[in-house]
Amino acid sequence: MRYDQKQSDMQSAGPSIFGADFHRFMEIEGQLNRIEIAEDLGISLGDVKKLKEKLNRA
């Protein structure tokens, strides 16, 4: 079976989405604004927007 770098990166990432811990995002989502969330998790504002959109769809 072929095993490439992308698969390796996804397996080593663990339980994160867009490079952020989803459970931590859920905890702070209602308390902080988008800029503060991005700074706290070390992700971009675009990633924060994508995470919020995914939450609203669920």
Protein backbone atom coordinates (compact mmCIF):
# COMPACT_ATOMS: atom_id res chain seq x y z
CA MET A 1 0.00 0.00 0.00
CA ARG A 2 1.25 3.48 -0.79
CA TYR A 3 1.97 5.71 2.16
CA ASP A 4 2.75 9.35 1.51
CA GLN A 5 3.66 12.42 3.54
CA LYS A 6 0.08 13.74 3.71
CA GLN A 7 -1.17 10.54 5.35
CA SER A 8 1.70 10.69 7.81
CA ASP A 9 0.91 14.29 8.69
CA MET A 10 -2.77 13.51 9.25
CA GLN A 11 -2.03 10.59 11.55
CA SER A 12 0.50 12.50 13.62
CA ALA A 13 -1.82 15.51 13.96
CA GLY A 14 -4.06 13.77 16.48
CA PRO A 15 -7.48 15.18 17.41
CA SER A 16 -7.04 18.57 15.80
CA ILE A 17 -8.91 20.38 13.08
CA PHE A 18 -7.17 23.08 11.06
CA GLY A 19 -4.24 22.73 13.44
CA ALA A 20 -6.34 23.52 16.52
CA ASP A 21 -7.69 21.39 19.34
CA PHE A 22 -11.43 21.17 18.65
CA HIS A 23 -12.39 20.66 22.31
CA ARG A 24 -10.45 23.75 23.35
CA PHE A 25 -12.19 25.67 20.55
CA MET A 26 -15.59 24.57 21.87
CA GLU A 27 -14.69 25.79 25.37
CA ILE A 28 -13.60 29.28 24.35
CA GLU A 29 -15.94 29.85 21.40
CA GLY A 30 -18.67 31.50 23.44
CA GLN A 31 -16.31 33.54 25.60
CA LEU A 32 -13.87 35.11 23.15
CA ASN A 33 -14.14 36.91 19.82
CA ARG A 34 -12.59 35.56 16.61
CA ILE A 35 -9.31 37.45 16.93
CA GLU A 36 -8.78 36.27 20.50
CA ILE A 37 -9.60 32.67 19.52
CA ALA A 38 -7.12 32.81 16.63
CA GLU A 39 -4.39 34.17 18.91
CA ASP A 40 -5.12 31.66 21.67
CA LEU A 41 -5.10 28.63 19.37
CA GLY A 42 -2.40 29.88 17.01
CA ILE A 43 -4.54 29.64 13.87
CA SER A 44 -5.68 32.14 11.24
CA LEU A 45 -8.95 34.07 11.28
CA GLY A 46 -10.01 32.09 8.22
CA ASP A 47 -9.58 28.84 10.14
CA VAL A 48 -11.67 30.22 13.01
CA LYS A 49 -14.40 31.11 10.51
CA LYS A 50 -14.30 27.60 9.00
CA LEU A 51 -14.56 25.98 12.44
CA LYS A 52 -17.56 28.15 13.36
CA GLU A 53 -19.27 27.27 10.06
CA LYS A 54 -18.70 23.55 10.71
CA LEU A 55 -20.23 23.91 14.19
CA ASN A 56 -23.32 25.63 12.80
CA ARG A 57 -23.86 22.82 10.28
CA ALA A 58 -23.74 20.08 12.89
